[in-house]
């Protein structure tokens, strides 16, 4: 029987690859003003402290929209909006500075805690804020003067890196400063994307109310390539803003963005230190990489195909045979783990090729991964000058029919393949014209 203590130890052991992966990396965290108002915010701060203790370099960028709105309402002030952007006049700017400064002090205080018997015990973190963001006025757009509302002009990446190398957490507010000494109210998203791109951050982490990016059925989408974001059109304004921010960041060179919930305790750690995470990963390139297999992938392929060999779905392949045929395989890799494979055996004298060993790990079925590898090998077959591909199958006939294959007779197989045909398995033959 596994004791609770040992299960926790095993979980911690499983996080070791991610601890090693993230150590020394630079993460930018975008914390909207609503995050700071939520009861889970202290837990997020505790998780940030843990990230810091594990060697992650951190830049925190906080917003203050609800805090600003509250102060303006209390003061009886109203500000206009144009294209969903607040027009900040001189009176409003004072409340913007007050809200941003107050929230910055609150975050600094939370990061300075070191109470015994708390997650912050012994953390001793240094927090650095400063004039790292140079801004310019938005100016007059469509006849509307945005006054003290601005845009990021430049981020002092060298200064930020210097603080990170000095083992400090850098904390930025949604304020920017001009060379003439003016202060501008900036959009949180503008600061976050500009900063992450300027310092070449490894990740930009965005917090929202939902678990991540959700589909039309409110189901969590675990991962997306940046190009797939264009296919989403959420009605929810926050979701639309998060999607837009992730898209902008990836297009400006940030490799990965994570969208997760500020409501869920441990969501940040679960996203970064477990295999499937808690939110949505948006990758500037395909998160799951398809590539030609090499000799180091033999073990991963064996792990995939052994259960199917034991069930009699696949023919048994020895390690020696796999090593000899490894150049014929393609694999789908996710964070260094082989989660799908397929092979193409050419028969150039017959103008056709065999597609074989098309396998997806049980945890990742249902995501069209096998279809993706199948299509890539079909393209490869055409590159070899082949005009047909075939498969032998005992239990997956319907899937191949759905992919455009048609059942054929055994005597249509290449002669070399007919000589190797296993009568006891009585596999069905399917061909597809390319």
Protein backbone atom coordinates (compact mmCIF):
# COMPACT_ATOMS: atom_id res chain seq x y z
CA UNK A 1 0.00 0.00 0.00
CA UNK A 2 1.29 3.47 -0.92
CA UNK A 3 1.28 5.89 2.00
CA UNK A 4 0.28 9.55 1.42
CA UNK A 5 3.81 10.62 2.31
CA UNK A 6 5.35 8.37 -0.31
CA UNK A 7 2.87 9.46 -2.97
CA UNK A 8 3.93 13.07 -2.35
CA UNK A 9 7.57 12.06 -2.63
CA UNK A 10 6.88 10.29 -5.92
CA UNK A 11 5.08 13.38 -7.22
CA UNK A 12 8.04 15.51 -6.19
CA UNK A 13 10.41 13.10 -7.90
CA UNK A 14 8.37 13.40 -11.11
CA UNK A 15 8.81 17.16 -11.05
CA UNK A 16 12.62 16.86 -11.25
CA UNK A 17 12.77 17.10 -15.08
CA UNK A 18 10.73 20.32 -14.97
CA UNK A 19 12.82 21.78 -12.15
CA UNK A 20 15.92 21.16 -14.24
CA UNK A 21 14.21 22.49 -17.36
CA UNK A 22 13.12 25.77 -15.75
CA UNK A 23 16.22 26.54 -13.70
CA UNK A 24 17.92 29.69 -15.00
CA UNK A 25 15.04 30.52 -17.35
CA UNK A 26 13.29 33.89 -17.40
CA UNK A 27 9.53 34.04 -16.89
CA UNK A 28 7.34 37.14 -17.15
CA UNK A 29 4.09 36.96 -15.15
CA UNK A 30 1.22 39.29 -16.03
CA UNK A 31 -0.97 39.88 -12.97
CA UNK A 32 -4.09 41.93 -13.65
CA UNK A 33 -5.54 44.11 -10.90
CA UNK A 34 -8.37 41.62 -10.41
CA UNK A 35 -5.79 38.97 -9.51
CA UNK A 36 -4.64 41.05 -6.55
CA UNK A 37 -8.24 41.38 -5.36
CA UNK A 38 -8.88 37.63 -5.30
CA UNK A 39 -8.57 35.58 -2.13
CA UNK A 40 -6.12 33.21 -3.88
CA UNK A 41 -3.57 35.98 -4.50
CA UNK A 42 -1.44 35.19 -1.40
CA UNK A 43 -1.16 31.59 -2.62
CA UNK A 44 0.01 32.81 -6.02
CA UNK A 45 2.67 34.88 -4.24
CA UNK A 46 3.75 31.75 -2.33
CA UNK A 47 4.07 29.86 -5.62
CA UNK A 48 6.08 32.73 -7.10
CA UNK A 49 8.42 32.50 -4.11
CA UNK A 50 8.83 28.77 -4.78
CA UNK A 51 9.66 29.45 -8.43
CA UNK A 52 12.30 31.90 -7.30
CA UNK A 53 13.80 29.36 -4.90
CA UNK A 54 14.01 26.85 -7.76
CA UNK A 55 16.23 29.18 -9.78
CA UNK A 56 13.69 30.83 -12.10
CA UNK A 57 14.32 34.48 -12.98
CA UNK A 58 11.11 36.43 -12.55
CA UNK A 59 9.63 39.65 -13.86
CA UNK A 60 6.19 40.48 -12.43
CA UNK A 61 3.98 43.02 -14.18
CA UNK A 62 0.84 44.06 -12.33
CA UNK A 63 -2.21 45.87 -13.59
CA UNK A 64 -4.54 48.15 -11.65
CA UNK A 65 -7.71 48.61 -13.72
CA UNK A 66 -10.28 47.75 -11.00
CA UNK A 67 -8.29 49.69 -8.40
CA UNK A 68 -8.19 52.74 -10.69
CA UNK A 69 -11.91 52.46 -11.43
CA UNK A 70 -12.68 52.27 -7.71
CA UNK A 71 -10.64 55.37 -6.92
CA UNK A 72 -12.18 57.35 -9.75
CA UNK A 73 -15.67 56.38 -8.62
CA UNK A 74 -14.89 57.36 -5.02
CA UNK A 75 -13.59 60.71 -6.23
CA UNK A 76 -16.68 61.23 -8.39
CA UNK A 77 -14.59 61.39 -11.58
CA UNK A 78 -15.55 59.96 -14.94
CA UNK A 79 -13.13 59.28 -17.76
CA UNK A 80 -13.98 58.59 -21.34
CA UNK A 81 -13.02 55.55 -23.38
CA UNK A 82 -12.19 55.37 -27.05
CA UNK A 83 -11.65 52.01 -28.77
CA UNK A 84 -11.84 50.41 -25.28
CA UNK A 85 -8.86 52.47 -24.07
CA UNK A 86 -9.21 54.84 -21.10
CA UNK A 87 -8.55 58.51 -21.81
CA UNK A 88 -6.42 59.64 -18.87
CA UNK A 89 -6.71 63.34 -18.10
CA UNK A 90 -4.64 65.17 -15.50
CA UNK A 91 -7.10 64.58 -12.64
CA UNK A 92 -7.43 60.87 -13.45
CA UNK A 93 -3.66 60.45 -13.70
CA UNK A 94 -3.29 61.21 -9.97
CA UNK A 95 -5.60 58.30 -9.15
CA UNK A 96 -3.79 56.06 -11.64
CA UNK A 97 -0.50 56.78 -9.89
CA UNK A 98 -2.10 56.25 -6.48
CA UNK A 99 -3.63 52.89 -7.47
CA UNK A 100 -0.47 51.62 -9.16
CA UNK A 101 1.78 52.73 -6.31
CA UNK A 102 -0.47 51.24 -3.65
CA UNK A 103 -0.71 47.89 -5.41
CA UNK A 104 3.02 47.79 -6.06
CA UNK A 105 3.64 48.34 -2.32
CA UNK A 106 1.15 45.56 -1.49
CA UNK A 107 2.94 43.09 -3.77
CA UNK A 108 6.34 44.08 -2.44
CA UNK A 109 5.07 43.52 1.11
CA UNK A 110 3.73 40.05 0.25
CA UNK A 111 7.02 39.12 -1.42
CA UNK A 112 8.90 40.30 1.68
CA UNK A 113 7.13 37.97 4.08
CA UNK A 114 9.20 35.36 5.88
CA UNK A 115 6.98 34.16 8.69
CA UNK A 116 7.89 30.87 10.39
CA UNK A 117 5.69 27.89 9.50
CA UNK A 118 4.59 29.55 6.25
CA UNK A 119 5.53 28.89 2.62
CA UNK A 120 7.51 32.15 2.66
CA UNK A 121 9.76 31.10 5.54
CA UNK A 122 13.40 31.71 4.64
CA UNK A 123 12.60 33.14 1.21
CA UNK A 124 14.46 36.48 1.67
CA UNK A 125 13.59 37.80 -1.75
CA UNK A 126 14.78 41.12 -3.08
CA UNK A 127 12.25 43.04 -5.18
CA UNK A 128 13.34 45.75 -7.58
CA UNK A 129 11.08 48.34 -9.22
CA UNK A 130 12.16 51.24 -11.37
CA UNK A 131 11.83 53.32 -14.49
CA UNK A 132 12.50 50.42 -16.85
CA UNK A 133 9.72 51.38 -19.28
CA UNK A 134 10.01 54.44 -21.50
CA UNK A 135 6.66 55.53 -22.90
CA UNK A 136 5.18 57.91 -25.43
CA UNK A 137 1.71 59.40 -25.67
CA UNK A 138 -0.84 57.68 -27.86
CA UNK A 139 -1.67 61.16 -29.06
CA UNK A 140 -4.73 62.05 -31.12
CA UNK A 141 -6.51 59.15 -32.83
CA UNK A 142 -9.66 59.70 -34.84
CA UNK A 143 -9.93 63.20 -33.46
CA UNK A 144 -9.69 61.98 -29.85
CA UNK A 145 -6.78 63.10 -27.67
CA UNK A 146 -5.76 60.33 -25.26
CA UNK A 147 -3.87 62.85 -23.08
CA UNK A 148 -1.82 60.93 -20.45
CA UNK A 149 -2.60 57.49 -21.85
CA UNK A 150 0.47 56.14 -23.58
CA UNK A 151 2.22 53.26 -25.29
CA UNK A 152 5.49 51.50 -24.56
CA UNK A 153 8.32 53.09 -26.50
CA UNK A 154 11.28 51.13 -25.12
CA UNK A 155 12.06 48.64 -22.37
CA UNK A 156 15.40 48.87 -20.57
CA UNK A 157 16.24 45.21 -21.12
CA UNK A 158 19.84 45.66 -20.03
CA UNK A 159 18.74 47.17 -16.72
CA UNK A 160 16.22 44.38 -16.12
CA UNK A 161 18.78 41.69 -16.91
CA UNK A 162 21.22 43.32 -14.52
CA UNK A 163 18.67 43.08 -11.71
CA UNK A 164 17.81 39.48 -12.58
CA UNK A 165 21.49 38.54 -12.56
CA UNK A 166 21.71 40.19 -9.15
CA UNK A 167 19.07 37.67 -7.99
CA UNK A 168 16.24 40.22 -7.70
CA UNK A 169 12.63 39.87 -8.75
CA UNK A 170 11.74 42.75 -11.05
CA UNK A 171 8.31 44.29 -10.44
CA UNK A 172 6.82 46.60 -13.07
CA UNK A 173 3.69 48.76 -12.88
CA UNK A 174 1.46 49.83 -15.80
CA UNK A 175 3.21 53.20 -15.86
CA UNK A 176 5.77 54.56 -18.28
CA UNK A 177 8.02 57.57 -18.22
CA UNK A 178 9.10 59.89 -21.00
CA UNK A 179 12.52 61.57 -21.44
CA UNK A 180 10.74 64.86 -20.66
CA UNK A 181 9.65 63.60 -17.22
CA UNK A 182 6.00 62.85 -18.03
CA UNK A 183 4.13 59.85 -16.64
CA UNK A 184 1.79 57.81 -18.84
CA UNK A 185 -0.93 55.32 -18.03
CA UNK A 186 -0.14 52.17 -20.04
CA UNK A 187 -2.11 49.06 -20.93
CA UNK A 188 -0.95 46.11 -18.82
CA UNK A 189 -0.86 43.88 -21.91
CA UNK A 190 1.35 46.36 -23.77
CA UNK A 191 3.89 46.37 -20.93
CA UNK A 192 3.83 42.59 -20.55
CA UNK A 193 4.31 41.78 -24.24
CA UNK A 194 6.91 44.50 -24.78
CA UNK A 195 8.89 43.46 -21.72
CA UNK A 196 8.77 39.71 -22.48
CA UNK A 197 9.92 40.33 -26.06
CA UNK A 198 12.64 42.84 -25.09
CA UNK A 199 14.29 40.64 -22.46
CA UNK A 200 13.87 37.47 -24.59
CA UNK A 201 11.80 35.79 -21.88
CA UNK A 202 11.34 32.04 -22.11
CA UNK A 203 7.69 32.27 -21.04
CA UNK A 204 4.94 34.82 -20.58
CA UNK A 205 2.38 33.64 -18.03
CA UNK A 206 -1.10 35.21 -18.17
CA UNK A 207 -3.76 34.90 -15.48
CA UNK A 208 -7.49 34.91 -16.10
CA UNK A 209 -10.68 33.86 -14.38
CA UNK A 210 -11.10 30.66 -16.43
CA UNK A 211 -8.81 27.62 -16.24
CA UNK A 212 -7.21 28.78 -19.47
CA UNK A 213 -8.48 29.28 -23.00
CA UNK A 214 -11.78 27.46 -23.41
CA UNK A 215 -13.74 26.39 -26.48
CA UNK A 216 -17.38 27.11 -27.32
CA UNK A 217 -18.44 24.37 -24.89
CA UNK A 218 -16.41 25.93 -22.06
CA UNK A 219 -13.98 22.99 -22.23
CA UNK A 220 -10.32 23.74 -21.55
CA UNK A 221 -7.99 23.71 -24.56
CA UNK A 222 -4.71 22.34 -23.23
CA UNK A 223 -2.41 23.50 -26.00
CA UNK A 224 -2.45 25.58 -29.15
CA UNK A 225 0.02 26.72 -31.74
CA UNK A 226 -0.12 30.47 -32.24
CA UNK A 227 -1.63 30.05 -35.71
CA UNK A 228 -4.60 28.21 -34.20
CA UNK A 229 -5.56 31.25 -32.12
CA UNK A 230 -6.91 32.90 -35.26
CA UNK A 231 -9.63 30.23 -35.39
CA UNK A 232 -11.00 31.24 -31.97
CA UNK A 233 -13.63 33.94 -31.57
CA UNK A 234 -14.76 33.99 -27.93
CA UNK A 235 -17.66 36.15 -26.80
CA UNK A 236 -16.03 36.71 -23.41
CA UNK A 237 -13.99 39.93 -23.39
CA UNK A 238 -11.35 38.61 -21.00
CA UNK A 239 -10.79 35.50 -23.09
CA UNK A 240 -10.47 37.65 -26.21
CA UNK A 241 -7.90 39.88 -24.49
CA UNK A 242 -5.85 36.92 -23.28
CA UNK A 243 -5.87 35.34 -26.73
CA UNK A 244 -4.80 38.63 -28.30
CA UNK A 245 -2.00 39.06 -25.75
CA UNK A 246 -0.70 35.52 -26.24
CA UNK A 247 -0.81 35.95 -30.03
CA UNK A 248 1.12 39.23 -29.87
CA UNK A 249 3.75 37.82 -27.53
CA UNK A 250 4.40 34.74 -29.66
CA UNK A 251 4.60 36.82 -32.83
CA UNK A 252 7.14 39.09 -31.16
CA UNK A 253 9.43 36.18 -30.32
CA UNK A 254 8.26 34.79 -26.96
CA UNK A 255 8.48 30.98 -27.40
CA UNK A 256 5.64 30.04 -25.06
CA UNK A 257 2.70 31.68 -23.32
CA UNK A 258 0.67 30.03 -20.58
CA UNK A 259 -2.90 31.05 -19.78
CA UNK A 260 -4.17 29.84 -16.40
CA UNK A 261 -6.57 30.64 -13.62
CA UNK A 262 -5.86 33.00 -10.75
CA UNK A 263 -8.79 31.43 -8.89
CA UNK A 264 -7.39 27.90 -8.67
CA UNK A 265 -4.90 27.24 -5.90
CA UNK A 266 -1.67 25.62 -7.19
CA UNK A 267 -2.59 26.30 -10.85
CA UNK A 268 0.78 27.97 -11.51
CA UNK A 269 2.81 25.08 -10.11
CA UNK A 270 0.61 22.47 -11.76
CA UNK A 271 1.00 24.20 -15.12
CA UNK A 272 4.79 24.35 -14.88
CA UNK A 273 5.66 21.13 -13.07
CA UNK A 274 3.26 18.48 -14.34
CA UNK A 275 3.13 16.87 -17.75
CA UNK A 276 -0.31 18.08 -18.82
CA UNK A 277 -0.47 21.29 -16.79
CA UNK A 278 -3.55 23.09 -15.53
CA UNK A 279 -4.17 25.72 -18.20
CA UNK A 280 -3.50 26.42 -21.86
CA UNK A 281 -0.07 26.49 -23.45
CA UNK A 282 0.26 28.66 -26.54
CA UNK A 283 3.40 27.92 -28.49
CA UNK A 284 5.08 30.11 -31.08
CA UNK A 285 5.76 26.85 -32.93
CA UNK A 286 4.10 23.47 -32.67
CA UNK A 287 4.21 22.36 -29.04
CA UNK A 288 4.38 18.75 -30.20
CA UNK A 289 7.22 18.40 -32.66
CA UNK A 290 7.22 15.88 -35.48
CA UNK A 291 10.63 14.75 -36.66
CA UNK A 292 12.63 11.91 -38.14
CA UNK A 293 13.47 9.30 -35.50
CA UNK A 294 17.04 8.56 -34.50
CA UNK A 295 18.77 5.82 -32.54
CA UNK A 296 18.06 7.55 -29.21
CA UNK A 297 14.32 7.16 -29.84
CA UNK A 298 14.35 3.35 -29.89
CA UNK A 299 13.51 3.07 -26.20
CA UNK A 300 10.60 5.49 -26.51
CA UNK A 301 9.19 3.66 -29.52
CA UNK A 302 9.45 0.31 -27.71
CA UNK A 303 7.52 1.81 -24.79
CA UNK A 304 4.75 2.80 -27.22
CA UNK A 305 4.45 -0.41 -29.19
CA UNK A 306 5.06 -3.11 -26.55
CA UNK A 307 1.50 -3.04 -25.12
CA UNK A 308 0.06 -3.42 -28.64
CA UNK A 309 2.47 -6.24 -29.43
CA UNK A 310 1.32 -8.03 -26.30
CA UNK A 311 -2.30 -7.65 -27.40
CA UNK A 312 -1.46 -9.05 -30.83
CA UNK A 313 -2.38 -5.80 -32.60
CA UNK A 314 1.21 -5.30 -33.83
CA UNK A 315 3.85 -7.76 -34.88
CA UNK A 316 6.68 -8.17 -32.41
CA UNK A 317 9.75 -6.09 -33.29
CA UNK A 318 13.03 -6.71 -31.50
CA UNK A 319 15.22 -3.84 -30.33
CA UNK A 320 17.84 -4.96 -32.86
CA UNK A 321 15.33 -4.76 -35.73
CA UNK A 322 14.12 -1.34 -34.57
CA UNK A 323 17.68 -0.07 -34.44
CA UNK A 324 18.21 -1.25 -38.03
CA UNK A 325 14.95 0.34 -39.24
CA UNK A 326 14.97 3.50 -37.13
CA UNK A 327 15.56 5.74 -40.18
CA UNK A 328 12.15 4.65 -41.51
CA UNK A 329 10.29 6.05 -38.47
CA UNK A 330 8.83 9.43 -37.67
CA UNK A 331 7.98 10.36 -34.10
CA UNK A 332 5.85 12.99 -32.41
CA UNK A 333 7.70 14.43 -29.43
CA UNK A 334 6.24 16.40 -26.54
CA UNK A 335 8.66 17.90 -24.02
CA UNK A 336 11.25 15.24 -24.83
CA UNK A 337 8.79 12.35 -24.62
CA UNK A 338 7.80 10.21 -27.62
CA UNK A 339 3.99 10.17 -27.72
CA UNK A 340 3.37 8.82 -31.22
CA UNK A 341 5.25 7.06 -34.01
CA UNK A 342 4.79 5.71 -37.52
CA UNK A 343 7.01 4.17 -40.19
CA UNK A 344 7.21 4.17 -43.98
CA UNK A 345 8.73 1.13 -45.73
CA UNK A 346 9.29 2.02 -49.42
CA UNK A 347 8.88 -0.53 -52.23
CA UNK A 348 10.18 1.67 -55.06
CA UNK A 349 10.21 -1.16 -57.62
CA UNK A 350 6.42 -1.39 -57.20
CA UNK A 351 5.81 2.36 -56.87
CA UNK A 352 4.30 2.00 -53.41
CA UNK A 353 5.17 2.04 -49.71
CA UNK A 354 3.93 0.40 -46.54
CA UNK A 355 2.77 2.52 -43.62
CA UNK A 356 3.27 0.61 -40.41
CA UNK A 357 3.53 0.84 -36.65
CA UNK A 358 1.17 3.83 -36.40
CA UNK A 359 0.83 4.17 -32.63
CA UNK A 360 -0.23 6.93 -30.23
CA UNK A 361 0.31 6.81 -26.47
CA UNK A 362 -3.02 6.05 -24.68
CA UNK A 363 -2.89 9.38 -22.83
CA UNK A 364 -2.84 11.32 -26.11
CA UNK A 365 -5.34 9.55 -28.31
CA UNK A 366 -8.17 11.54 -29.82
CA UNK A 367 -6.03 14.49 -30.89
CA UNK A 368 -5.46 13.55 -34.56
CA UNK A 369 -1.79 12.79 -33.85
CA UNK A 370 -1.84 9.52 -35.80
CA UNK A 371 -3.54 11.35 -38.68
CA UNK A 372 -0.83 14.01 -38.60
CA UNK A 373 1.96 11.43 -38.85
CA UNK A 374 0.06 9.54 -41.55
CA UNK A 375 -0.23 12.68 -43.68
CA UNK A 376 3.44 13.52 -43.20
CA UNK A 377 4.50 10.05 -44.30
CA UNK A 378 2.18 10.24 -47.30
CA UNK A 379 3.95 13.46 -48.31
CA UNK A 380 7.28 11.72 -47.82
CA UNK A 381 6.14 8.82 -49.98
CA UNK A 382 5.23 11.22 -52.79
CA UNK A 383 8.66 12.78 -52.39
CA UNK A 384 10.12 9.34 -53.08
CA UNK A 385 8.10 9.16 -56.29
CA UNK A 386 5.64 6.61 -54.91
CA UNK A 387 2.04 6.82 -56.05
CA UNK A 388 0.38 4.49 -53.53
CA UNK A 389 0.69 3.47 -49.89
CA UNK A 390 -0.73 0.42 -48.17
CA UNK A 391 -1.30 -0.87 -44.67
CA UNK A 392 -1.94 -4.27 -43.12
CA UNK A 393 -4.42 -4.18 -40.25
CA UNK A 394 -6.27 -6.65 -38.05
CA UNK A 395 -8.25 -4.33 -35.75
CA UNK A 396 -8.15 -0.76 -37.10
CA UNK A 397 -9.77 -1.17 -40.49
CA UNK A 398 -12.42 1.49 -39.97
CA UNK A 399 -9.86 4.14 -39.07
CA UNK A 400 -7.94 3.55 -42.28
CA UNK A 401 -11.14 3.62 -44.32
CA UNK A 402 -11.87 7.04 -42.77
CA UNK A 403 -8.44 8.22 -43.94
CA UNK A 404 -9.19 7.41 -47.58
CA UNK A 405 -7.87 3.83 -47.82
CA UNK A 406 -9.76 1.12 -49.68
CA UNK A 407 -9.66 -2.61 -48.99
CA UNK A 408 -7.66 -4.64 -51.50
CA UNK A 409 -6.63 -8.23 -52.14
CA UNK A 410 -3.47 -9.75 -50.75
CA UNK A 411 -2.11 -10.42 -54.24
CA UNK A 412 -1.96 -6.67 -54.85
CA UNK A 413 0.87 -6.40 -52.33
CA UNK A 414 4.44 -6.10 -53.61
CA UNK A 415 6.00 -9.54 -54.14
CA UNK A 416 8.55 -8.93 -51.37
CA UNK A 417 5.73 -8.17 -48.96
CA UNK A 418 3.64 -11.15 -50.07
CA UNK A 419 6.57 -13.41 -49.23
CA UNK A 420 6.55 -12.04 -45.67
CA UNK A 421 2.76 -12.13 -45.21
CA UNK A 422 1.73 -13.87 -42.00
CA UNK A 423 -1.18 -16.18 -42.81
CA UNK A 424 -1.96 -16.77 -39.15
CA UNK A 425 -2.67 -13.08 -38.55
CA UNK A 426 -4.89 -12.80 -41.67
CA UNK A 427 -4.38 -9.06 -41.77
CA UNK A 428 -6.60 -7.09 -44.10
CA UNK A 429 -4.93 -5.12 -46.85
CA UNK A 430 -5.75 -1.48 -47.58
CA UNK A 431 -4.34 0.76 -50.32
CA UNK A 432 -4.55 4.50 -50.87
CA UNK A 433 -3.74 6.39 -54.06
CA UNK A 434 -1.56 9.46 -53.47
